[in-house]
PDB file of N, CA and C in Angstrom:
ATOM      1  N   MET A   1     113.113 116.628  29.689  1.00  0.00           N
ATOM      2  CA  MET A   1     114.481 116.127  29.817  1.00  0.00           C
ATOM      3  C   MET A   1     115.516 116.964  28.983  1.00  0.00           C
ATOM      4  N   LYS A   2     114.988 117.360  27.733  1.00  0.00           N
ATOM      5  CA  LYS A   2     115.806 118.117  26.866  1.00  0.00           C
ATOM      6  C   LYS A   2     116.315 119.418  27.547  1.00  0.00           C
ATOM      7  N   GLU A   3     115.428 120.055  28.313  1.00  0.00           N
ATOM      8  CA  GLU A   3     115.829 121.223  29.063  1.00  0.00           C
ATOM      9  C   GLU A   3     117.007 121.003  30.010  1.00  0.00           C
ATOM     10  N   SER A   4     117.058 119.756  30.489  1.00  0.00           N
ATOM     11  CA  SER A   4     118.090 119.445  31.476  1.00  0.00           C
ATOM     12  C   SER A   4     119.441 119.270  30.791  1.00  0.00           C
ATOM     13  N   PHE A   5     119.459 118.803  29.511  1.00  0.00           N
ATOM     14  CA  PHE A   5     120.754 118.565  28.873  1.00  0.00           C
ATOM     15  C   PHE A   5     121.163 119.670  27.968  1.00  0.00           C
ATOM     16  N   GLU A   6     120.310 120.473  27.525  1.00  0.00           N
ATOM     17  CA  GLU A   6     120.648 121.555  26.555  1.00  0.00           C
ATOM     18  C   GLU A   6     119.830 122.849  26.900  1.00  0.00           C
ATOM     19  N   ILE A   7     120.638 123.923  27.008  1.00  0.00           N
ATOM     20  CA  ILE A   7     119.968 125.199  27.286  1.00  0.00           C
ATOM     21  C   ILE A   7     119.362 125.696  25.932  1.00  0.00           C
ATOM     22  N   ILE A   8     118.013 125.872  26.038  1.00  0.00           N
ATOM     23  CA  ILE A   8     117.258 126.322  24.879  1.00  0.00           C
ATOM     24  C   ILE A   8     116.767 127.711  25.240  1.00  0.00           C
ATOM     25  N   GLU A   9     117.303 128.685  24.428  1.00  0.00           N
ATOM     26  CA  GLU A   9     117.026 130.092  24.749  1.00  0.00           C
ATOM     27  C   GLU A   9     115.528 130.382  24.865  1.00  0.00           C
ATOM     28  N   GLY A  10     115.180 130.938  26.099  1.00  0.00           N
ATOM     29  CA  GLY A  10     113.783 131.274  26.319  1.00  0.00           C
ATOM     30  C   GLY A  10     112.854 130.213  26.475  1.00  0.00           C
ATOM     31  N   GLN A  11     113.302 128.965  26.636  1.00  0.00           N
ATOM     32  CA  GLN A  11     112.330 127.891  26.735  1.00  0.00           C
ATOM     33  C   GLN A  11     112.778 126.945  27.867  1.00  0.00           C
ATOM     34  N   ASN A  12     112.433 127.358  29.134  1.00  0.00           N
ATOM     35  CA  ASN A  12     112.716 126.536  30.252  1.00  0.00           C
ATOM     36  C   ASN A  12     111.536 126.633  31.151  1.00  0.00           C
ATOM     37  N   LEU A  13     110.724 125.601  31.235  1.00  0.00           N
ATOM     38  CA  LEU A  13     109.469 125.585  32.020  1.00  0.00           C
ATOM     39  C   LEU A  13     109.695 125.729  33.512  1.00  0.00           C
ATOM     40  N   VAL A  14     110.775 125.197  34.087  1.00  0.00           N
ATOM     41  CA  VAL A  14     111.045 125.334  35.520  1.00  0.00           C
ATOM     42  C   VAL A  14     111.268 126.774  35.846  1.00  0.00           C
ATOM     43  N   VAL A  15     112.204 127.430  35.065  1.00  0.00           N
ATOM     44  CA  VAL A  15     112.421 128.845  35.361  1.00  0.00           C
ATOM     45  C   VAL A  15     111.216 129.702  35.121  1.00  0.00           C
ATOM     46  N   HIS A  16     110.415 129.404  34.087  1.00  0.00           N
ATOM     47  CA  HIS A  16     109.260 130.187  33.765  1.00  0.00           C
ATOM     48  C   HIS A  16     108.292 130.105  34.948  1.00  0.00           C
ATOM     49  N   GLU A  17     107.958 128.939  35.448  1.00  0.00           N
ATOM     50  CA  GLU A  17     107.100 128.780  36.551  1.00  0.00           C
ATOM     51  C   GLU A  17     107.563 129.396  37.870  1.00  0.00           C
ATOM     52  N   PHE A  18     108.883 129.265  38.067  1.00  0.00           N
ATOM     53  CA  PHE A  18     109.517 129.860  39.197  1.00  0.00           C
ATOM     54  C   PHE A  18     109.296 131.377  39.159  1.00  0.00           C
ATOM     55  N   ALA A  19     109.425 131.981  38.016  1.00  0.00           N
ATOM     56  CA  ALA A  19     109.214 133.377  37.838  1.00  0.00           C
ATOM     57  C   ALA A  19     107.816 133.788  38.186  1.00  0.00           C
ATOM     58  N   HIS A  20     106.825 132.922  37.772  1.00  0.00           N
ATOM     59  CA  HIS A  20     105.464 133.205  38.182  1.00  0.00           C
ATOM     60  C   HIS A  20     105.246 133.189  39.614  1.00  0.00           C
ATOM     61  N   ILE A  21     105.796 132.169  40.280  1.00  0.00           N
ATOM     62  CA  ILE A  21     105.708 132.145  41.784  1.00  0.00           C
ATOM     63  C   ILE A  21     106.327 133.383  42.434  1.00  0.00           C
ATOM     64  N   LEU A  22     107.487 133.762  42.081  1.00  0.00           N
ATOM     65  CA  LEU A  22     108.073 134.966  42.611  1.00  0.00           C
ATOM     66  C   LEU A  22     107.251 136.177  42.300  1.00  0.00           C
ATOM     67  N   ASP A  23     106.749 136.284  41.089  1.00  0.00           N
ATOM     68  CA  ASP A  23     105.852 137.457  40.735  1.00  0.00           C
ATOM     69  C   ASP A  23     104.575 137.448  41.564  1.00  0.00           C
ATOM     70  N   HIS A  24     104.003 136.279  41.728  1.00  0.00           N
ATOM     71  CA  HIS A  24     102.776 136.258  42.591  1.00  0.00           C
ATOM     72  C   HIS A  24     103.029 136.631  43.991  1.00  0.00           C
ATOM     73  N   MET A  25     104.145 136.146  44.524  1.00  0.00           N
ATOM     74  CA  MET A  25     104.503 136.467  45.967  1.00  0.00           C
ATOM     75  C   MET A  25     105.038 137.940  46.173  1.00  0.00           C
ATOM     76  N   HIS A  26     105.690 138.479  45.122  1.00  0.00           N
ATOM     77  CA  HIS A  26     106.326 139.799  45.421  1.00  0.00           C
ATOM     78  C   HIS A  26     105.871 140.870  44.376  1.00  0.00           C
ATOM     79  N   GLY A  27     104.933 140.535  43.507  1.00  0.00           N
ATOM     80  CA  GLY A  27     104.436 141.565  42.488  1.00  0.00           C
ATOM     81  C   GLY A  27     105.579 142.139  41.677  1.00  0.00           C
ATOM     82  N   LEU A  28     106.351 141.314  41.120  1.00  0.00           N
ATOM     83  CA  LEU A  28     107.562 141.810  40.295  1.00  0.00           C
ATOM     84  C   LEU A  28     107.291 142.246  38.955  1.00  0.00           C
ATOM     85  N   SER A  29     106.346 141.691  38.208  1.00  0.00           N
ATOM     86  CA  SER A  29     106.115 142.151  36.836  1.00  0.00           C
ATOM     87  C   SER A  29     105.523 143.566  36.825  1.00  0.00           C
ATOM     88  N   GLY A  30     106.210 144.383  36.142  1.00  0.00           N
ATOM     89  CA  GLY A  30     105.815 145.768  36.009  1.00  0.00           C
ATOM     90  C   GLY A  30     106.185 146.585  37.234  1.00  0.00           C
ATOM     91  N   SER A  31     107.007 146.015  38.176  1.00  0.00           N
ATOM     92  CA  SER A  31     107.285 146.743  39.399  1.00  0.00           C
ATOM     93  C   SER A  31     108.400 147.783  39.295  1.00  0.00           C
ATOM     94  N   THR A  32     109.142 147.814  38.217  1.00  0.00           N
ATOM     95  CA  THR A  32     110.184 148.804  38.032  1.00  0.00           C
ATOM     96  C   THR A  32     109.979 149.550  36.743  1.00  0.00           C
ATOM     97  N   ALA A  33     110.583 150.722  36.719  1.00  0.00           N
ATOM     98  CA  ALA A  33     110.528 151.549  35.449  1.00  0.00           C
ATOM     99  C   ALA A  33     111.057 150.840  34.280  1.00  0.00           C
ATOM    100  N   ALA A  34     112.160 150.135  34.410  1.00  0.00           N
ATOM    101  CA  ALA A  34     112.764 149.383  33.301  1.00  0.00           C
ATOM    102  C   ALA A  34     111.877 148.215  32.803  1.00  0.00           C
ATOM    103  N   LEU A  35     111.238 147.575  33.792  1.00  0.00           N
ATOM    104  CA  LEU A  35     110.309 146.547  33.344  1.00  0.00           C
ATOM    105  C   LEU A  35     109.034 146.997  32.597  1.00  0.00           C
ATOM    106  N   ARG A  36     108.520 148.081  33.077  1.00  0.00           N
ATOM    107  CA  ARG A  36     107.355 148.752  32.459  1.00  0.00           C
ATOM    108  C   ARG A  36     107.774 149.263  31.047  1.00  0.00           C
ATOM    109  N   GLU A  37     108.912 149.885  30.980  1.00  0.00           N
ATOM    110  CA  GLU A  37     109.279 150.441  29.679  1.00  0.00           C
ATOM    111  C   GLU A  37     109.532 149.347  28.675  1.00  0.00           C
ATOM    112  N   ALA A  38     110.178 148.263  29.046  1.00  0.00           N
ATOM    113  CA  ALA A  38     110.426 147.118  28.145  1.00  0.00           C
ATOM    114  C   ALA A  38     109.128 146.564  27.627  1.00  0.00           C
ATOM    115  N   TYR A  39     108.191 146.393  28.525  1.00  0.00           N
ATOM    116  CA  TYR A  39     106.890 145.840  28.293  1.00  0.00           C
ATOM    117  C   TYR A  39     106.167 146.685  27.271  1.00  0.00           C
ATOM    118  N   GLU A  40     106.301 148.005  27.449  1.00  0.00           N
ATOM    119  CA  GLU A  40     105.629 148.975  26.533  1.00  0.00           C
ATOM    120  C   GLU A  40     106.241 148.818  25.137  1.00  0.00           C
ATOM    121  N   VAL A  41     107.562 148.687  25.128  1.00  0.00           N
ATOM    122  CA  VAL A  41     108.262 148.533  23.848  1.00  0.00           C
ATOM    123  C   VAL A  41     107.781 147.253  23.174  1.00  0.00           C
ATOM    124  N   TYR A  42     107.650 146.205  23.959  1.00  0.00           N
ATOM    125  CA  TYR A  42     107.141 144.924  23.412  1.00  0.00           C
ATOM    126  C   TYR A  42     105.786 145.108  22.785  1.00  0.00           C
ATOM    127  N   LEU A  43     104.828 145.804  23.490  1.00  0.00           N
ATOM    128  CA  LEU A  43     103.536 146.016  22.997  1.00  0.00           C
ATOM    129  C   LEU A  43     103.553 146.835  21.726  1.00  0.00           C
ATOM    130  N   GLU A  44     104.425 147.871  21.740  1.00  0.00           N
ATOM    131  CA  GLU A  44     104.484 148.736  20.475  1.00  0.00           C
ATOM    132  C   GLU A  44     105.002 148.011  19.331  1.00  0.00           C
ATOM    133  N   ASN A  45     105.988 147.150  19.603  1.00  0.00           N
ATOM    134  CA  ASN A  45     106.515 146.261  18.476  1.00  0.00           C
ATOM    135  C   ASN A  45     105.418 145.508  17.851  1.00  0.00           C
ATOM    136  N   ILE A  46     104.641 144.844  18.682  1.00  0.00           N
ATOM    137  CA  ILE A  46     103.516 144.023  18.142  1.00  0.00           C
ATOM    138  C   ILE A  46     102.548 144.864  17.346  1.00  0.00           C
ATOM    139  N   GLU A  47     102.158 146.023  17.947  1.00  0.00           N
ATOM    140  CA  GLU A  47     101.148 146.823  17.379  1.00  0.00           C
ATOM    141  C   GLU A  47     101.598 147.480  16.015  1.00  0.00           C
ATOM    142  N   SER A  48     102.851 147.896  16.010  1.00  0.00           N
ATOM    143  CA  SER A  48     103.318 148.621  14.794  1.00  0.00           C
ATOM    144  C   SER A  48     103.847 147.779  13.742  1.00  0.00           C
ATOM    145  N   LYS A  49     104.159 146.575  13.963  1.00  0.00           N
ATOM    146  CA  LYS A  49     104.728 145.594  12.971  1.00  0.00           C
ATOM    147  C   LYS A  49     103.957 144.335  12.787  1.00  0.00           C
ATOM    148  N   GLN A  50     102.613 144.474  12.690  1.00  0.00           N
ATOM    149  CA  GLN A  50     101.822 143.273  12.671  1.00  0.00           C
ATOM    150  C   GLN A  50     102.094 142.464  11.412  1.00  0.00           C
ATOM    151  N   ASP A  51     102.342 143.075  10.320  1.00  0.00           N
ATOM    152  CA  ASP A  51     102.606 142.349   9.141  1.00  0.00           C
ATOM    153  C   ASP A  51     103.999 141.821   9.006  1.00  0.00           C
ATOM    154  N   ASP A  52     105.033 142.509   9.641  1.00  0.00           N
ATOM    155  CA  ASP A  52     106.330 142.118   9.538  1.00  0.00           C
ATOM    156  C   ASP A  52     106.947 142.149  10.991  1.00  0.00           C
ATOM    157  N   LEU A  53     106.539 141.231  11.832  1.00  0.00           N
ATOM    158  CA  LEU A  53     106.761 141.299  13.268  1.00  0.00           C
ATOM    159  C   LEU A  53     108.237 141.200  13.485  1.00  0.00           C
ATOM    160  N   THR A  54     108.768 142.097  14.272  1.00  0.00           N
ATOM    161  CA  THR A  54     110.099 142.066  14.783  1.00  0.00           C
ATOM    162  C   THR A  54     110.080 141.907  16.293  1.00  0.00           C
ATOM    163  N   PRO A  55     110.149 140.665  16.794  1.00  0.00           N
ATOM    164  CA  PRO A  55     110.016 140.392  18.156  1.00  0.00           C
ATOM    165  C   PRO A  55     111.104 141.067  18.985  1.00  0.00           C
ATOM    166  N   ASP A  56     110.807 141.279  20.225  1.00  0.00           N
ATOM    167  CA  ASP A  56     111.829 141.887  21.070  1.00  0.00           C
ATOM    168  C   ASP A  56     112.596 140.783  21.750  1.00  0.00           C
ATOM    169  N   CYS A  57     113.413 141.089  22.693  1.00  0.00           N
ATOM    170  CA  CYS A  57     114.371 140.114  23.330  1.00  0.00           C
ATOM    171  C   CYS A  57     113.672 139.114  24.181  1.00  0.00           C
ATOM    172  N   ALA A  58     112.389 139.354  24.504  1.00  0.00           N
ATOM    173  CA  ALA A  58     111.634 138.333  25.382  1.00  0.00           C
ATOM    174  C   ALA A  58     110.597 137.571  24.591  1.00  0.00           C
ATOM    175  N   THR A  59     110.760 137.453  23.323  1.00  0.00           N
ATOM    176  CA  THR A  59     109.837 136.640  22.426  1.00  0.00           C
ATOM    177  C   THR A  59     110.604 135.314  22.155  1.00  0.00           C
ATOM    178  N   PRO A  60     110.087 134.239  22.619  1.00  0.00           N
ATOM    179  CA  PRO A  60     110.789 132.960  22.369  1.00  0.00           C
ATOM    180  C   PRO A  60     110.882 132.661  20.813  1.00  0.00           C
ATOM    181  N   LEU A  61     111.905 131.962  20.496  1.00  0.00           N
ATOM    182  CA  LEU A  61     112.251 131.698  19.097  1.00  0.00           C
ATOM    183  C   LEU A  61     111.092 131.022  18.363  1.00  0.00           C
ATOM    184  N   GLY A  62     110.462 130.063  19.012  1.00  0.00           N
ATOM    185  CA  GLY A  62     109.297 129.352  18.366  1.00  0.00           C
ATOM    186  C   GLY A  62     108.180 130.322  18.083  1.00  0.00           C
ATOM    187  N   GLU A  63     107.932 131.291  19.004  1.00  0.00           N
ATOM    188  CA  GLU A  63     106.898 132.252  18.789  1.00  0.00           C
ATOM    189  C   GLU A  63     107.228 133.178  17.619  1.00  0.00           C
ATOM    190  N   MET A  64     108.534 133.529  17.450  1.00  0.00           N
ATOM    191  CA  MET A  64     108.907 134.360  16.349  1.00  0.00           C
ATOM    192  C   MET A  64     108.526 133.705  15.004  1.00  0.00           C
ATOM    193  N   VAL A  65     108.847 132.456  14.882  1.00  0.00           N
ATOM    194  CA  VAL A  65     108.611 131.701  13.645  1.00  0.00           C
ATOM    195  C   VAL A  65     107.136 131.544  13.407  1.00  0.00           C
ATOM    196  N   ASP A  66     106.465 131.185  14.439  1.00  0.00           N
ATOM    197  CA  ASP A  66     105.045 130.875  14.286  1.00  0.00           C
ATOM    198  C   ASP A  66     104.124 132.105  13.968  1.00  0.00           C
ATOM    199  N   HIS A  67     104.584 133.280  14.395  1.00  0.00           N
ATOM    200  CA  HIS A  67     103.736 134.434  14.311  1.00  0.00           C
ATOM    201  C   HIS A  67     104.278 135.478  13.377  1.00  0.00           C
ATOM    202  N   VAL A  68     105.313 135.269  12.670  1.00  0.00           N
ATOM    203  CA  VAL A  68     105.860 136.295  11.831  1.00  0.00           C
ATOM    204  C   VAL A  68     104.859 136.736  10.756  1.00  0.00           C
ATOM    205  N   ASN A  69     104.237 135.845  10.130  1.00  0.00           N
ATOM    206  CA  ASN A  69     103.232 136.097   9.156  1.00  0.00           C
ATOM    207  C   ASN A  69     101.807 135.898   9.518  1.00  0.00           C
ATOM    208  N   THR A  70     101.569 135.485  10.763  1.00  0.00           N
ATOM    209  CA  THR A  70     100.231 135.265  11.199  1.00  0.00           C
ATOM    210  C   THR A  70      99.987 135.824  12.578  1.00  0.00           C
ATOM    211  N   HIS A  71     100.158 137.133  12.673  1.00  0.00           N
ATOM    212  CA  HIS A  71      99.957 137.853  13.951  1.00  0.00           C
ATOM    213  C   HIS A  71      98.480 137.732  14.332  1.00  0.00           C
ATOM    214  N   ASP A  72      98.252 137.364  15.615  1.00  0.00           N
ATOM    215  CA  ASP A  72      96.938 137.477  16.134  1.00  0.00           C
ATOM    216  C   ASP A  72      97.036 137.755  17.635  1.00  0.00           C
ATOM    217  N   GLU A  73      95.902 137.835  18.340  1.00  0.00           N
ATOM    218  CA  GLU A  73      95.870 138.256  19.727  1.00  0.00           C
ATOM    219  C   GLU A  73      96.580 137.316  20.600  1.00  0.00           C
ATOM    220  N   THR A  74      96.835 136.093  20.316  1.00  0.00           N
ATOM    221  CA  THR A  74      97.488 135.156  21.134  1.00  0.00           C
ATOM    222  C   THR A  74      98.909 135.569  21.323  1.00  0.00           C
ATOM    223  N   MET A  75      99.427 136.428  20.421  1.00  0.00           N
ATOM    224  CA  MET A  75     100.871 136.833  20.562  1.00  0.00           C
ATOM    225  C   MET A  75     100.933 137.919  21.713  1.00  0.00           C
ATOM    226  N   LEU A  76      99.843 138.569  21.978  1.00  0.00           N
ATOM    227  CA  LEU A  76      99.873 139.571  23.030  1.00  0.00           C
ATOM    228  C   LEU A  76      99.953 139.023  24.402  1.00  0.00           C
ATOM    229  N   ARG A  77     101.070 139.126  25.048  1.00  0.00           N
ATOM    230  CA  ARG A  77     101.318 138.524  26.292  1.00  0.00           C
ATOM    231  C   ARG A  77     101.129 139.543  27.453  1.00  0.00           C
ATOM    232  N   PRO A  78     100.360 139.158  28.479  1.00  0.00           N
ATOM    233  CA  PRO A  78     100.215 140.003  29.628  1.00  0.00           C
ATOM    234  C   PRO A  78     101.537 140.231  30.377  1.00  0.00           C
ATOM    235  N   PRO A  79     101.677 141.293  31.235  1.00  0.00           N
ATOM    236  CA  PRO A  79     102.931 141.571  31.937  1.00  0.00           C
ATOM    237  C   PRO A  79     103.440 140.393  32.685  1.00  0.00           C
ATOM    238  N   GLU A  80     102.569 139.583  33.291  1.00  0.00           N
ATOM    239  CA  GLU A  80     103.111 138.454  34.032  1.00  0.00           C
ATOM    240  C   GLU A  80     103.849 137.412  33.179  1.00  0.00           C
ATOM    241  N   GLU A  81     103.215 137.154  31.949  1.00  0.00           N
ATOM    242  CA  GLU A  81     103.855 136.216  31.035  1.00  0.00           C
ATOM    243  C   GLU A  81     105.145 136.834  30.538  1.00  0.00           C
ATOM    244  N   TYR A  82     105.067 138.070  30.134  1.00  0.00           N
ATOM    245  CA  TYR A  82     106.285 138.768  29.656  1.00  0.00           C
ATOM    246  C   TYR A  82     107.397 138.621  30.679  1.00  0.00           C
ATOM    247  N   PHE A  83     107.090 138.836  31.913  1.00  0.00           N
ATOM    248  CA  PHE A  83     108.133 138.775  33.003  1.00  0.00           C
ATOM    249  C   PHE A  83     108.714 137.331  33.090  1.00  0.00           C
ATOM    250  N   ALA A  84     107.818 136.306  32.957  1.00  0.00           N
ATOM    251  CA  ALA A  84     108.226 134.916  33.111  1.00  0.00           C
ATOM    252  C   ALA A  84     109.134 134.663  31.885  1.00  0.00           C
ATOM    253  N   VAL A  85     108.792 134.984  30.716  1.00  0.00           N
ATOM    254  CA  VAL A  85     109.606 134.707  29.554  1.00  0.00           C
ATOM    255  C   VAL A  85     110.904 135.495  29.633  1.00  0.00           C
ATOM    256  N   LEU A  86     110.882 136.681  30.102  1.00  0.00           N
ATOM    257  CA  LEU A  86     112.039 137.545  30.265  1.00  0.00           C
ATOM    258  C   LEU A  86     112.995 136.852  31.246  1.00  0.00           C
ATOM    259  N   THR A  87     112.482 136.240  32.289  1.00  0.00           N
ATOM    260  CA  THR A  87     113.253 135.556  33.343  1.00  0.00           C
ATOM    261  C   THR A  87     113.953 134.356  32.664  1.00  0.00           C
ATOM    262  N   GLU A  88     113.208 133.627  31.819  1.00  0.00           N
ATOM    263  CA  GLU A  88     113.858 132.462  31.117  1.00  0.00           C
ATOM    264  C   GLU A  88     114.979 132.956  30.332  1.00  0.00           C
ATOM    265  N   LEU A  89     114.834 134.035  29.605  1.00  0.00           N
ATOM    266  CA  LEU A  89     115.909 134.587  28.765  1.00  0.00           C
ATOM    267  C   LEU A  89     117.044 135.024  29.638  1.00  0.00           C
ATOM    268  N   PHE A  90     116.827 135.617  30.767  1.00  0.00           N
ATOM    269  CA  PHE A  90     117.887 136.098  31.712  1.00  0.00           C
ATOM    270  C   PHE A  90     118.758 134.939  32.108  1.00  0.00           C
ATOM    271  N   PHE A  91     118.175 133.779  32.325  1.00  0.00           N
ATOM    272  CA  PHE A  91     118.930 132.567  32.748  1.00  0.00           C
ATOM    273  C   PHE A  91     119.531 131.761  31.641  1.00  0.00           C
ATOM    274  N   THR A  92     119.026 131.947  30.329  1.00  0.00           N
ATOM    275  CA  THR A  92     119.546 131.136  29.260  1.00  0.00           C
ATOM    276  C   THR A  92     120.302 131.995  28.264  1.00  0.00           C
ATOM    277  N   ASN A  93     119.982 133.162  28.006  1.00  0.00           N
ATOM    278  CA  ASN A  93     120.789 134.076  27.158  1.00  0.00           C
ATOM    279  C   ASN A  93     120.688 135.517  27.647  1.00  0.00           C
ATOM    280  N   PRO A  94     121.413 135.781  28.683  1.00  0.00           N
ATOM    281  CA  PRO A  94     121.348 137.129  29.284  1.00  0.00           C
ATOM    282  C   PRO A  94     121.870 138.207  28.407  1.00  0.00           C
ATOM    283  N   ALA A  95     122.762 137.888  27.488  1.00  0.00           N
ATOM    284  CA  ALA A  95     123.313 138.895  26.593  1.00  0.00           C
ATOM    285  C   ALA A  95     122.243 139.447  25.759  1.00  0.00           C
ATOM    286  N   ALA A  96     121.206 138.663  25.384  1.00  0.00           N
ATOM    287  CA  ALA A  96     120.113 139.266  24.539  1.00  0.00           C
ATOM    288  C   ALA A  96     119.412 140.441  25.251  1.00  0.00           C
ATOM    289  N   ILE A  97     119.265 140.294  26.495  1.00  0.00           N
ATOM    290  CA  ILE A  97     118.707 141.405  27.328  1.00  0.00           C
ATOM    291  C   ILE A  97     119.726 142.530  27.539  1.00  0.00           C
ATOM    292  N   TYR A  98     120.923 142.136  27.932  1.00  0.00           N
ATOM    293  CA  TYR A  98     122.033 143.114  28.220  1.00  0.00           C
ATOM    294  C   TYR A  98     122.307 144.001  26.958  1.00  0.00           C
ATOM    295  N   ASP A  99     122.337 143.410  25.820  1.00  0.00           N
ATOM    296  CA  ASP A  99     122.597 144.145  24.585  1.00  0.00           C
ATOM    297  C   ASP A  99     121.523 145.017  24.195  1.00  0.00           C
ATOM    298  N   ASP A 100     120.222 144.633  24.312  1.00  0.00           N
ATOM    299  CA  ASP A 100     119.071 145.423  23.887  1.00  0.00           C
ATOM    300  C   ASP A 100     118.594 146.407  24.968  1.00  0.00           C
ATOM    301  N   TYR A 101     118.620 145.967  26.214  1.00  0.00           N
ATOM    302  CA  TYR A 101     118.059 146.785  27.300  1.00  0.00           C
ATOM    303  C   TYR A 101     118.959 146.754  28.544  1.00  0.00           C
ATOM    304  N   PRO A 102     120.107 147.448  28.515  1.00  0.00           N
ATOM    305  CA  PRO A 102     121.020 147.387  29.693  1.00  0.00           C
ATOM    306  C   PRO A 102     120.310 147.764  31.036  1.00  0.00           C
ATOM    307  N   ASN A 103     119.399 148.737  31.022  1.00  0.00           N
ATOM    308  CA  ASN A 103     118.747 149.083  32.306  1.00  0.00           C
ATOM    309  C   ASN A 103     117.821 147.994  32.728  1.00  0.00           C
ATOM    310  N   LEU A 104     117.220 147.375  31.852  1.00  0.00           N
ATOM    311  CA  LEU A 104     116.333 146.175  32.179  1.00  0.00           C
ATOM    312  C   LEU A 104     117.214 145.046  32.716  1.00  0.00           C
ATOM    313  N   TYR A 105     118.304 144.818  32.128  1.00  0.00           N
ATOM    314  CA  TYR A 105     119.197 143.772  32.563  1.00  0.00           C
ATOM    315  C   TYR A 105     119.639 144.086  34.055  1.00  0.00           C
ATOM    316  N   ARG A 106     120.030 145.379  34.345  1.00  0.00           N
ATOM    317  CA  ARG A 106     120.472 145.716  35.633  1.00  0.00           C
ATOM    318  C   ARG A 106     119.326 145.436  36.659  1.00  0.00           C
ATOM    319  N   GLU A 107     118.057 145.702  36.236  1.00  0.00           N
ATOM    320  CA  GLU A 107     116.899 145.484  37.199  1.00  0.00           C
ATOM    321  C   GLU A 107     116.812 144.018  37.472  1.00  0.00           C
ATOM    322  N   LEU A 108     116.958 143.178  36.436  1.00  0.00           N
ATOM    323  CA  LEU A 108     116.909 141.720  36.643  1.00  0.00           C
ATOM    324  C   LEU A 108     118.055 141.207  37.540  1.00  0.00           C
ATOM    325  N   VAL A 109     119.221 141.824  37.409  1.00  0.00           N
ATOM    326  CA  VAL A 109     120.318 141.423  38.259  1.00  0.00           C
ATOM    327  C   VAL A 109     119.961 141.817  39.736  1.00  0.00           C
ATOM    328  N   GLY A 110     119.320 142.911  39.917  1.00  0.00           N
ATOM    329  CA  GLY A 110     118.870 143.334  41.279  1.00  0.00           C
ATOM    330  C   GLY A 110     117.797 142.455  41.801  1.00  0.00           C
ATOM    331  N   ILE A 111     116.905 142.018  40.984  1.00  0.00           N
ATOM    332  CA  ILE A 111     115.868 141.110  41.431  1.00  0.00           C
ATOM    333  C   ILE A 111     116.389 139.767  41.792  1.00  0.00           C
ATOM    334  N   TYR A 112     117.252 139.191  40.926  1.00  0.00           N
ATOM    335  CA  TYR A 112     117.712 137.783  41.165  1.00  0.00           C
ATOM    336  C   TYR A 112     119.064 137.734  41.956  1.00  0.00           C
ATOM    337  N   GLY A 113     119.807 138.904  42.077  1.00  0.00           N
ATOM    338  CA  GLY A 113     121.033 138.883  42.803  1.00  0.00           C
ATOM    339  C   GLY A 113     122.192 138.178  42.046  1.00  0.00           C
ATOM    340  N   LEU A 114     121.979 137.988  40.753  1.00  0.00           N
ATOM    341  CA  LEU A 114     123.045 137.257  39.945  1.00  0.00           C
ATOM    342  C   LEU A 114     123.217 138.131  38.660  1.00  0.00           C
ATOM    343  N   ASN A 115     124.552 138.231  38.267  1.00  0.00           N
ATOM    344  CA  ASN A 115     124.905 138.850  37.024  1.00  0.00           C
ATOM    345  C   ASN A 115     125.112 137.738  36.071  1.00  0.00           C
ATOM    346  N   MET A 116     124.078 137.174  35.437  1.00  0.00           N
ATOM    347  CA  MET A 116     124.053 136.032  34.569  1.00  0.00           C
ATOM    348  C   MET A 116     125.004 136.278  33.339  1.00  0.00           C
ATOM    349  N   ALA A 117     125.018 137.452  32.769  1.00  0.00           N
ATOM    350  CA  ALA A 117     125.896 137.698  31.593  1.00  0.00           C
ATOM    351  C   ALA A 117     127.327 137.391  32.046  1.00  0.00           C
ATOM    352  N   ALA A 118     127.750 137.894  33.169  1.00  0.00           N
ATOM    353  CA  ALA A 118     129.114 137.677  33.622  1.00  0.00           C
ATOM    354  C   ALA A 118     129.356 136.216  33.973  1.00  0.00           C
ATOM    355  N   ILE A 119     128.310 135.601  34.604  1.00  0.00           N
ATOM    356  CA  ILE A 119     128.475 134.102  34.837  1.00  0.00           C
ATOM    357  C   ILE A 119     128.675 133.316  33.667  1.00  0.00           C
ATOM    358  N   MET A 120     127.930 133.676  32.593  1.00  0.00           N
ATOM    359  CA  MET A 120     127.895 132.911  31.391  1.00  0.00           C
ATOM    360  C   MET A 120     128.986 133.454  30.365  1.00  0.00           C
ATOM    361  N   GLY A 121     129.769 134.463  30.805  1.00  0.00           N
ATOM    362  CA  GLY A 121     130.811 134.926  29.982  1.00  0.00           C
ATOM    363  C   GLY A 121     130.356 135.713  28.752  1.00  0.00           C
ATOM    364  N   SER A 122     129.224 136.420  28.859  1.00  0.00           N
ATOM    365  CA  SER A 122     128.701 137.110  27.717  1.00  0.00           C
ATOM    366  C   SER A 122     128.714 138.650  27.896  1.00  0.00           C
ATOM    367  N   ALA A 123     129.242 139.099  28.949  1.00  0.00           N
ATOM    368  CA  ALA A 123     129.247 140.569  29.130  1.00  0.00           C
ATOM    369  C   ALA A 123     130.664 140.980  29.553  1.00  0.00           C
ATOM    370  N   ASN A 124     131.197 142.038  28.959  1.00  0.00           N
ATOM    371  CA  ASN A 124     132.538 142.493  29.249  1.00  0.00           C
ATOM    372  C   ASN A 124     132.540 143.577  30.333  1.00  0.00           C
ATOM    373  N   GLU A 125     131.370 144.184  30.498  1.00  0.00           N
ATOM    374  CA  GLU A 125     131.319 145.346  31.513  1.00  0.00           C
ATOM    375  C   GLU A 125     130.759 144.794  32.795  1.00  0.00           C
ATOM    376  N   THR A 126     131.178 145.467  33.905  1.00  0.00           N
ATOM    377  CA  THR A 126     130.644 145.198  35.147  1.00  0.00           C
ATOM    378  C   THR A 126     129.280 145.892  35.320  1.00  0.00           C
ATOM    379  N   ILE A 127     128.317 145.194  35.826  1.00  0.00           N
ATOM    380  CA  ILE A 127     126.941 145.717  35.943  1.00  0.00           C
ATOM    381  C   ILE A 127     126.847 146.523  37.278  1.00  0.00           C
TER     382      ILE A 127
END
């Protein structure tokens, strides 16, 4: 119910599972250069900063807090999970993606047919 009344950045189960269904049907995770590049950056951030983790734009807030000082393999998310969390973020805080990875943001606009940053008033430029 909380998700229905308050947008919680990167934490929306309905959107997350919807992304999994679309990914399963259309093979979206890792399907574009921007998605693959962002996923590689995500993996590099985990690998290079294990002691002082600096999560990327698709790491949910709770996961940042829980794993900053206790990195383990549960933090390593496969491409399908990365895509689902990225989709949550696209619909709840698109500016986080737009600001960090404009090319990735454009890919998500192409996938979903929506410019969420403009809809939510968080982007000044036309995509």
